[in-house]
Amino acid sequence: MKNLFTLSALAAVLVASAASASADTIVLGSYATGNPTAYSTGGSTAAVVAGNTALAYTGYSSSSQVPVVGAPANTYKLDPSTVWNPVTANSSWVGVSANAGPVNTSNPAMGYYTFTSTFNALGGIYGGTLTVQADDTVAVYLNSTQLVALGALGGNSHCADNTPNCTVLSTYNFGATLGAGSQTLTFVVQQAGFQPVGQVGNPSGLDFSGSLTTVPEPSSLLMLGTGLIGSAGALFRRMRS
C-alpha cells in the first residue's frame, strides 16, 4: 500500500508539473540599432515585440560568405518602397547604411555583409520557423548551424533569382537543441550588381521574422505522469483482487 501511495503521489506531481509548465516561446524580428539619417526616425515595432536584440553589423568580406566577427556597428531602418517586398510581421528592412535601400540609394560595395542578433533561451529542444528576405540574398545561421543557404543570383536583374531574395517571402522550418543562455542569429547578406559603389541601382538589405518554441518537455512529463497513474491503478486493482 505504501508503494501505491508513493507511485500515485509521484504521478500527480508530474501531471501537475506538466499542466503548469509553460513552453519557452521566443518571438524573432529584424530591427535596426540606429536611424540618425534614415527615412524614418525612431524604432521599429519589432523592438517592442521581438525577443531578440537589434541587428548589429559586424563586418564585410569582398569574396567570402563566411560570417565576419568584428566590433558591432550601427544598422539602419530602410524604406522598401515598391522595389522590395513589404516587411514581414513585426519587423523592419535593415541595412548597413541609411542609404543602402532602394530609396536614395548609395550602393554598398559588392561582397558579403554580416549582421548578428542575440536572444536568450531557457534551453531544451525547440521547433521554429523563420521567414526571411534580402537583397540580393542571405545565408542564415543559428549559433554555428546553417539554417538557410544563399540563393543563386542567376541573372540578378532585380535581386537574386532564387530564394531567399527581395521579392518573395521565404519561410523555413527547423529544429534545434539549445543550451540555457544567449544564442546568436547570424545573417550574411550578399551584395552584387552592375553599378559602381555610390550609384543608384544596387540596394542591399535584410528583413526577417519568426519564432522558437519548446514543445516536447511538458508533453513528455504529461505522458510519464499519466503512465504512472495507469500503473498505480493497475497495482491497486491487483491488490484488491
C-alpha atoms as a PDB file:
ATOM      1  CA  MET A   1       0.000   0.000   0.000  1.00  0.00           C
ATOM      2  CA  LYS A   2       2.860   2.369   0.768  1.00  0.00           C
ATOM      3  CA  ASN A   3       4.300   1.810  -2.733  1.00  0.00           C
ATOM      4  CA  LEU A   4       0.902   2.543  -4.240  1.00  0.00           C
ATOM      5  CA  PHE A   5       0.638   5.861  -2.410  1.00  0.00           C
ATOM      6  CA  THR A   6       4.200   6.789  -3.428  1.00  0.00           C
ATOM      7  CA  LEU A   7       3.542   5.969  -7.099  1.00  0.00           C
ATOM      8  CA  SER A   8       0.284   7.880  -7.111  1.00  0.00           C
ATOM      9  CA  ALA A   9       1.878  10.922  -5.473  1.00  0.00           C
ATOM     10  CA  LEU A  10       4.735  10.941  -7.982  1.00  0.00           C
ATOM     11  CA  ALA A  11       2.297  10.691 -10.881  1.00  0.00           C
ATOM     12  CA  ALA A  12       0.205  13.542  -9.511  1.00  0.00           C
ATOM     13  CA  VAL A  13       3.268  15.746  -9.148  1.00  0.00           C
ATOM     14  CA  LEU A  14       4.384  15.039 -12.724  1.00  0.00           C
ATOM     15  CA  VAL A  15       0.950  15.713 -14.189  1.00  0.00           C
ATOM     16  CA  ALA A  16       0.642  18.925 -12.176  1.00  0.00           C
ATOM     17  CA  SER A  17       4.105  19.979 -13.314  1.00  0.00           C
ATOM     18  CA  ALA A  18       3.224  19.307 -16.930  1.00  0.00           C
ATOM     19  CA  ALA A  19      -0.006  21.242 -16.656  1.00  0.00           C
ATOM     20  CA  SER A  20       1.696  24.253 -15.112  1.00  0.00           C
ATOM     21  CA  ALA A  21       4.837  24.171 -17.269  1.00  0.00           C
ATOM     22  CA  SER A  22       4.782  26.847 -19.960  1.00  0.00           C
ATOM     23  CA  ALA A  23       6.682  26.489 -23.200  1.00  0.00           C
ATOM     24  CA  ASP A  24       9.562  28.866 -23.821  1.00  0.00           C
ATOM     25  CA  THR A  25       8.352  30.904 -26.813  1.00  0.00           C
ATOM     26  CA  ILE A  26      10.731  33.413 -28.406  1.00  0.00           C
ATOM     27  CA  VAL A  27       9.492  35.919 -30.990  1.00  0.00           C
ATOM     28  CA  LEU A  28      12.059  36.996 -33.582  1.00  0.00           C
ATOM     29  CA  GLY A  29      12.147  40.098 -35.778  1.00  0.00           C
ATOM     30  CA  SER A  30      14.568  42.411 -37.554  1.00  0.00           C
ATOM     31  CA  TYR A  31      15.052  45.983 -36.428  1.00  0.00           C
ATOM     32  CA  ALA A  32      17.881  48.483 -36.563  1.00  0.00           C
ATOM     33  CA  THR A  33      20.193  49.840 -33.879  1.00  0.00           C
ATOM     34  CA  GLY A  34      20.006  53.438 -35.078  1.00  0.00           C
ATOM     35  CA  ASN A  35      18.301  55.745 -37.572  1.00  0.00           C
ATOM     36  CA  PRO A  36      20.056  59.118 -37.313  1.00  0.00           C
ATOM     37  CA  THR A  37      19.613  59.915 -41.027  1.00  0.00           C
ATOM     38  CA  ALA A  38      17.290  57.131 -42.185  1.00  0.00           C
ATOM     39  CA  TYR A  39      13.956  57.639 -43.901  1.00  0.00           C
ATOM     40  CA  SER A  40      12.046  57.029 -40.664  1.00  0.00           C
ATOM     41  CA  THR A  41      13.249  58.027 -37.223  1.00  0.00           C
ATOM     42  CA  GLY A  42      12.608  56.042 -34.087  1.00  0.00           C
ATOM     43  CA  GLY A  43      12.409  52.328 -33.504  1.00  0.00           C
ATOM     44  CA  SER A  44      10.542  49.576 -35.244  1.00  0.00           C
ATOM     45  CA  THR A  45       7.563  47.652 -33.883  1.00  0.00           C
ATOM     46  CA  ALA A  46       9.941  44.696 -33.722  1.00  0.00           C
ATOM     47  CA  ALA A  47      11.889  46.466 -30.998  1.00  0.00           C
ATOM     48  CA  VAL A  48       8.802  46.170 -28.806  1.00  0.00           C
ATOM     49  CA  VAL A  49       7.651  42.631 -29.578  1.00  0.00           C
ATOM     50  CA  ALA A  50      10.819  40.759 -30.548  1.00  0.00           C
ATOM     51  CA  GLY A  51      12.726  38.679 -28.039  1.00  0.00           C
ATOM     52  CA  ASN A  52      15.998  39.245 -29.901  1.00  0.00           C
ATOM     53  CA  THR A  53      18.314  42.256 -29.931  1.00  0.00           C
ATOM     54  CA  ALA A  54      18.586  44.723 -32.802  1.00  0.00           C
ATOM     55  CA  LEU A  55      20.687  43.638 -35.760  1.00  0.00           C
ATOM     56  CA  ALA A  56      24.302  44.743 -35.432  1.00  0.00           C
ATOM     57  CA  TYR A  57      26.688  44.963 -38.371  1.00  0.00           C
ATOM     58  CA  THR A  58      29.881  43.031 -37.591  1.00  0.00           C
ATOM     59  CA  GLY A  59      31.917  43.075 -40.791  1.00  0.00           C
ATOM     60  CA  TYR A  60      32.434  42.822 -44.537  1.00  0.00           C
ATOM     61  CA  SER A  61      34.223  40.423 -46.881  1.00  0.00           C
ATOM     62  CA  SER A  62      34.755  41.113 -50.558  1.00  0.00           C
ATOM     63  CA  SER A  63      34.954  37.443 -51.514  1.00  0.00           C
ATOM     64  CA  SER A  64      33.930  35.024 -48.745  1.00  0.00           C
ATOM     65  CA  GLN A  65      30.494  34.220 -47.381  1.00  0.00           C
ATOM     66  CA  VAL A  66      31.984  33.029 -44.081  1.00  0.00           C
ATOM     67  CA  PRO A  67      30.499  35.216 -41.304  1.00  0.00           C
ATOM     68  CA  VAL A  68      32.775  38.034 -40.174  1.00  0.00           C
ATOM     69  CA  VAL A  69      33.127  38.510 -36.413  1.00  0.00           C
ATOM     70  CA  GLY A  70      34.039  42.096 -35.612  1.00  0.00           C
ATOM     71  CA  ALA A  71      33.132  45.029 -33.391  1.00  0.00           C
ATOM     72  CA  PRO A  72      29.364  45.684 -33.626  1.00  0.00           C
ATOM     73  CA  ALA A  73      28.371  48.778 -35.610  1.00  0.00           C
ATOM     74  CA  ASN A  74      25.060  50.550 -36.219  1.00  0.00           C
ATOM     75  CA  THR A  75      22.433  49.340 -38.643  1.00  0.00           C
ATOM     76  CA  TYR A  76      19.677  51.406 -40.269  1.00  0.00           C
ATOM     77  CA  LYS A  77      15.970  51.023 -40.956  1.00  0.00           C
ATOM     78  CA  LEU A  78      15.307  51.115 -44.700  1.00  0.00           C
ATOM     79  CA  ASP A  79      12.314  52.057 -46.844  1.00  0.00           C
ATOM     80  CA  PRO A  80      11.313  49.110 -49.079  1.00  0.00           C
ATOM     81  CA  SER A  81       9.356  51.464 -51.355  1.00  0.00           C
ATOM     82  CA  THR A  82       7.793  49.415 -54.193  1.00  0.00           C
ATOM     83  CA  VAL A  83      11.131  47.822 -55.116  1.00  0.00           C
ATOM     84  CA  TRP A  84      11.279  45.341 -52.250  1.00  0.00           C
ATOM     85  CA  ASN A  85       8.553  43.145 -50.823  1.00  0.00           C
ATOM     86  CA  PRO A  86       6.775  44.706 -47.811  1.00  0.00           C
ATOM     87  CA  VAL A  87       8.192  43.774 -44.411  1.00  0.00           C
ATOM     88  CA  THR A  88       7.149  40.634 -42.565  1.00  0.00           C
ATOM     89  CA  ALA A  89       5.088  40.936 -39.375  1.00  0.00           C
ATOM     90  CA  ASN A  90       6.726  42.930 -36.586  1.00  0.00           C
ATOM     91  CA  SER A  91       9.938  43.680 -38.466  1.00  0.00           C
ATOM     92  CA  SER A  92      11.851  46.259 -40.479  1.00  0.00           C
ATOM     93  CA  TRP A  93      14.073  46.158 -43.521  1.00  0.00           C
ATOM     94  CA  VAL A  94      17.589  46.783 -42.199  1.00  0.00           C
ATOM     95  CA  GLY A  95      20.826  47.746 -43.924  1.00  0.00           C
ATOM     96  CA  VAL A  96      24.435  48.683 -43.399  1.00  0.00           C
ATOM     97  CA  SER A  97      23.801  52.387 -44.083  1.00  0.00           C
ATOM     98  CA  ALA A  98      20.865  54.773 -44.186  1.00  0.00           C
ATOM     99  CA  ASN A  99      21.048  54.896 -47.995  1.00  0.00           C
ATOM    100  CA  ALA A 100      21.604  51.189 -48.660  1.00  0.00           C
ATOM    101  CA  GLY A 101      17.949  50.639 -49.569  1.00  0.00           C
ATOM    102  CA  PRO A 102      16.026  51.366 -52.773  1.00  0.00           C
ATOM    103  CA  VAL A 103      15.283  54.981 -51.730  1.00  0.00           C
ATOM    104  CA  ASN A 104      18.168  57.478 -52.208  1.00  0.00           C
ATOM    105  CA  THR A 105      20.436  54.510 -52.843  1.00  0.00           C
ATOM    106  CA  SER A 106      24.167  54.797 -52.385  1.00  0.00           C
ATOM    107  CA  ASN A 107      25.412  51.328 -53.350  1.00  0.00           C
ATOM    108  CA  PRO A 108      27.395  49.381 -50.765  1.00  0.00           C
ATOM    109  CA  ALA A 109      30.489  47.670 -52.180  1.00  0.00           C
ATOM    110  CA  MET A 110      29.975  44.259 -53.754  1.00  0.00           C
ATOM    111  CA  GLY A 111      30.595  41.426 -51.318  1.00  0.00           C
ATOM    112  CA  TYR A 112      29.214  39.890 -48.126  1.00  0.00           C
ATOM    113  CA  TYR A 113      27.903  41.766 -45.072  1.00  0.00           C
ATOM    114  CA  THR A 114      27.494  40.048 -41.697  1.00  0.00           C
ATOM    115  CA  PHE A 115      24.738  41.017 -39.250  1.00  0.00           C
ATOM    116  CA  THR A 116      24.078  39.426 -35.860  1.00  0.00           C
ATOM    117  CA  SER A 117      21.294  39.390 -33.292  1.00  0.00           C
ATOM    118  CA  THR A 118      21.111  37.577 -29.945  1.00  0.00           C
ATOM    119  CA  PHE A 119      18.330  36.180 -27.771  1.00  0.00           C
ATOM    120  CA  ASN A 120      18.074  34.214 -24.536  1.00  0.00           C
ATOM    121  CA  ALA A 121      16.645  30.695 -24.266  1.00  0.00           C
ATOM    122  CA  LEU A 122      15.729  28.601 -21.247  1.00  0.00           C
ATOM    123  CA  GLY A 123      17.259  25.609 -23.001  1.00  0.00           C
ATOM    124  CA  GLY A 124      15.859  22.411 -24.445  1.00  0.00           C
ATOM    125  CA  ILE A 125      14.552  21.143 -27.760  1.00  0.00           C
ATOM    126  CA  TYR A 126      12.978  23.862 -29.890  1.00  0.00           C
ATOM    127  CA  GLY A 127      10.914  23.924 -33.049  1.00  0.00           C
ATOM    128  CA  GLY A 128      10.982  27.109 -35.077  1.00  0.00           C
ATOM    129  CA  THR A 129      10.052  28.988 -38.216  1.00  0.00           C
ATOM    130  CA  LEU A 130      11.981  31.767 -39.899  1.00  0.00           C
ATOM    131  CA  THR A 131      10.659  33.998 -42.670  1.00  0.00           C
ATOM    132  CA  VAL A 132      13.425  35.896 -44.423  1.00  0.00           C
ATOM    133  CA  GLN A 133      14.005  38.119 -47.447  1.00  0.00           C
ATOM    134  CA  ALA A 134      17.037  40.053 -48.637  1.00  0.00           C
ATOM    135  CA  ASP A 135      18.649  41.950 -51.479  1.00  0.00           C
ATOM    136  CA  ASP A 136      20.443  40.297 -53.143  1.00  0.00           C
ATOM    137  CA  THR A 137      20.222  37.145 -50.985  1.00  0.00           C
ATOM    138  CA  VAL A 138      21.176  35.931 -47.490  1.00  0.00           C
ATOM    139  CA  ALA A 139      22.540  32.927 -45.572  1.00  0.00           C
ATOM    140  CA  VAL A 140      21.302  32.397 -42.003  1.00  0.00           C
ATOM    141  CA  TYR A 141      22.985  30.653 -39.060  1.00  0.00           C
ATOM    142  CA  LEU A 142      21.738  29.789 -35.575  1.00  0.00           C
ATOM    143  CA  ASN A 143      24.859  29.664 -33.449  1.00  0.00           C
ATOM    144  CA  SER A 144      27.187  27.634 -35.708  1.00  0.00           C
ATOM    145  CA  THR A 145      24.464  25.751 -37.626  1.00  0.00           C
ATOM    146  CA  GLN A 146      23.383  26.982 -41.044  1.00  0.00           C
ATOM    147  CA  LEU A 147      19.598  27.226 -41.360  1.00  0.00           C
ATOM    148  CA  VAL A 148      19.360  28.916 -44.767  1.00  0.00           C
ATOM    149  CA  ALA A 149      21.788  28.910 -47.705  1.00  0.00           C
ATOM    150  CA  LEU A 150      22.381  31.780 -50.126  1.00  0.00           C
ATOM    151  CA  GLY A 151      20.037  31.770 -53.103  1.00  0.00           C
ATOM    152  CA  ALA A 152      21.531  31.560 -56.592  1.00  0.00           C
ATOM    153  CA  LEU A 153      21.921  35.034 -58.114  1.00  0.00           C
ATOM    154  CA  GLY A 154      21.067  33.961 -61.650  1.00  0.00           C
ATOM    155  CA  GLY A 155      20.699  36.987 -63.898  1.00  0.00           C
ATOM    156  CA  ASN A 156      20.377  39.277 -60.826  1.00  0.00           C
ATOM    157  CA  SER A 157      18.282  41.771 -62.759  1.00  0.00           C
ATOM    158  CA  HIS A 158      16.460  42.819 -59.583  1.00  0.00           C
ATOM    159  CA  CYS A 159      17.850  40.714 -56.752  1.00  0.00           C
ATOM    160  CA  ALA A 160      18.743  37.006 -56.593  1.00  0.00           C
ATOM    161  CA  ASP A 161      16.672  34.867 -58.945  1.00  0.00           C
ATOM    162  CA  ASN A 162      16.380  32.093 -56.355  1.00  0.00           C
ATOM    163  CA  THR A 163      15.119  32.458 -52.795  1.00  0.00           C
ATOM    164  CA  PRO A 164      15.805  33.924 -50.393  1.00  0.00           C
ATOM    165  CA  ASN A 165      15.516  37.164 -52.340  1.00  0.00           C
ATOM    166  CA  CYS A 166      13.811  40.554 -52.083  1.00  0.00           C
ATOM    167  CA  THR A 167      10.562  39.754 -53.898  1.00  0.00           C
ATOM    168  CA  VAL A 168       9.340  36.539 -52.218  1.00  0.00           C
ATOM    169  CA  LEU A 169       8.719  35.761 -48.560  1.00  0.00           C
ATOM    170  CA  SER A 170      10.621  32.539 -47.878  1.00  0.00           C
ATOM    171  CA  THR A 171       9.682  30.574 -44.750  1.00  0.00           C
ATOM    172  CA  TYR A 172      11.888  27.824 -43.312  1.00  0.00           C
ATOM    173  CA  ASN A 173      11.051  25.304 -40.580  1.00  0.00           C
ATOM    174  CA  PHE A 174      13.807  23.994 -38.337  1.00  0.00           C
ATOM    175  CA  GLY A 175      14.556  22.275 -35.054  1.00  0.00           C
ATOM    176  CA  ALA A 176      17.374  22.987 -32.622  1.00  0.00           C
ATOM    177  CA  THR A 177      18.665  21.838 -29.261  1.00  0.00           C
ATOM    178  CA  LEU A 178      19.756  24.906 -27.317  1.00  0.00           C
ATOM    179  CA  GLY A 179      21.558  25.282 -24.033  1.00  0.00           C
ATOM    180  CA  ALA A 180      20.332  27.789 -21.483  1.00  0.00           C
ATOM    181  CA  GLY A 181      21.505  31.364 -22.080  1.00  0.00           C
ATOM    182  CA  SER A 182      22.440  33.566 -25.004  1.00  0.00           C
ATOM    183  CA  GLN A 183      22.002  32.366 -28.610  1.00  0.00           C
ATOM    184  CA  THR A 184      23.214  34.088 -31.783  1.00  0.00           C
ATOM    185  CA  LEU A 185      21.466  34.515 -35.109  1.00  0.00           C
ATOM    186  CA  THR A 186      23.884  35.433 -37.913  1.00  0.00           C
ATOM    187  CA  PHE A 187      22.905  36.745 -41.345  1.00  0.00           C
ATOM    188  CA  VAL A 188      25.354  37.036 -44.241  1.00  0.00           C
ATOM    189  CA  VAL A 189      23.858  39.291 -46.919  1.00  0.00           C
ATOM    190  CA  GLN A 190      25.342  39.037 -50.406  1.00  0.00           C
ATOM    191  CA  GLN A 191      25.534  42.294 -52.367  1.00  0.00           C
ATOM    192  CA  ALA A 192      26.031  42.030 -56.111  1.00  0.00           C
ATOM    193  CA  GLY A 193      25.140  44.130 -59.135  1.00  0.00           C
ATOM    194  CA  PHE A 194      26.393  46.064 -62.098  1.00  0.00           C
ATOM    195  CA  GLN A 195      26.763  49.686 -60.986  1.00  0.00           C
ATOM    196  CA  PRO A 196      29.754  51.217 -59.152  1.00  0.00           C
ATOM    197  CA  VAL A 197      29.661  51.905 -55.411  1.00  0.00           C
ATOM    198  CA  GLY A 198      27.635  55.012 -54.591  1.00  0.00           C
ATOM    199  CA  GLN A 199      25.426  54.989 -57.673  1.00  0.00           C
ATOM    200  CA  VAL A 200      21.709  54.238 -57.723  1.00  0.00           C
ATOM    201  CA  GLY A 201      20.612  50.757 -58.713  1.00  0.00           C
ATOM    202  CA  ASN A 202      22.035  48.107 -56.378  1.00  0.00           C
ATOM    203  CA  PRO A 203      20.349  48.351 -52.957  1.00  0.00           C
ATOM    204  CA  SER A 204      21.168  45.962 -50.119  1.00  0.00           C
ATOM    205  CA  GLY A 205      19.109  44.972 -47.097  1.00  0.00           C
ATOM    206  CA  LEU A 206      17.599  42.280 -44.897  1.00  0.00           C
ATOM    207  CA  ASP A 207      14.227  41.551 -43.287  1.00  0.00           C
ATOM    208  CA  PHE A 208      13.177  38.604 -41.120  1.00  0.00           C
ATOM    209  CA  SER A 209      10.703  37.394 -38.529  1.00  0.00           C
ATOM    210  CA  GLY A 210       9.998  34.094 -36.829  1.00  0.00           C
ATOM    211  CA  SER A 211       9.622  32.220 -33.572  1.00  0.00           C
ATOM    212  CA  LEU A 212      11.062  29.381 -31.499  1.00  0.00           C
ATOM    213  CA  THR A 213       9.056  27.274 -29.057  1.00  0.00           C
ATOM    214  CA  THR A 214       9.792  24.365 -26.752  1.00  0.00           C
ATOM    215  CA  VAL A 215       7.080  21.750 -27.061  1.00  0.00           C
ATOM    216  CA  PRO A 216       8.317  18.244 -26.145  1.00  0.00           C
ATOM    217  CA  GLU A 217       9.252  18.689 -22.479  1.00  0.00           C
ATOM    218  CA  PRO A 218       5.787  19.418 -20.984  1.00  0.00           C
ATOM    219  CA  SER A 219       4.232  16.738 -23.227  1.00  0.00           C
ATOM    220  CA  SER A 220       6.834  14.190 -22.093  1.00  0.00           C
ATOM    221  CA  LEU A 221       6.125  14.936 -18.448  1.00  0.00           C
ATOM    222  CA  LEU A 222       2.398  14.580 -19.034  1.00  0.00           C
ATOM    223  CA  MET A 223       2.852  11.232 -20.783  1.00  0.00           C
ATOM    224  CA  LEU A 224       5.090   9.956 -17.993  1.00  0.00           C
ATOM    225  CA  GLY A 225       2.685  11.168 -15.318  1.00  0.00           C
ATOM    226  CA  THR A 226      -0.384   9.632 -16.924  1.00  0.00           C
ATOM    227  CA  GLY A 227       1.557   6.391 -17.419  1.00  0.00           C
ATOM    228  CA  LEU A 228       2.389   6.293 -13.732  1.00  0.00           C
ATOM    229  CA  ILE A 229      -1.244   6.935 -12.846  1.00  0.00           C
ATOM    230  CA  GLY A 230      -2.209   3.961 -15.024  1.00  0.00           C
ATOM    231  CA  SER A 231       0.406   1.824 -13.276  1.00  0.00           C
ATOM    232  CA  ALA A 232      -0.893   2.912  -9.892  1.00  0.00           C
ATOM    233  CA  GLY A 233      -4.429   1.961 -10.902  1.00  0.00           C
ATOM    234  CA  ALA A 234      -3.328  -1.461 -12.105  1.00  0.00           C
ATOM    235  CA  LEU A 235      -1.415  -2.060  -8.864  1.00  0.00           C
ATOM    236  CA  PHE A 236      -4.441  -1.022  -6.786  1.00  0.00           C
ATOM    237  CA  ARG A 237      -6.765  -3.407  -8.683  1.00  0.00           C
ATOM    238  CA  ARG A 238      -4.270  -6.259  -8.268  1.00  0.00           C
ATOM    239  CA  MET A 239      -4.045  -5.620  -4.511  1.00  0.00           C
ATOM    240  CA  ARG A 240      -7.839  -5.615  -4.150  1.00  0.00           C
ATOM    241  CA  SER A 241      -8.181  -8.895  -6.018  1.00  0.00           C
END
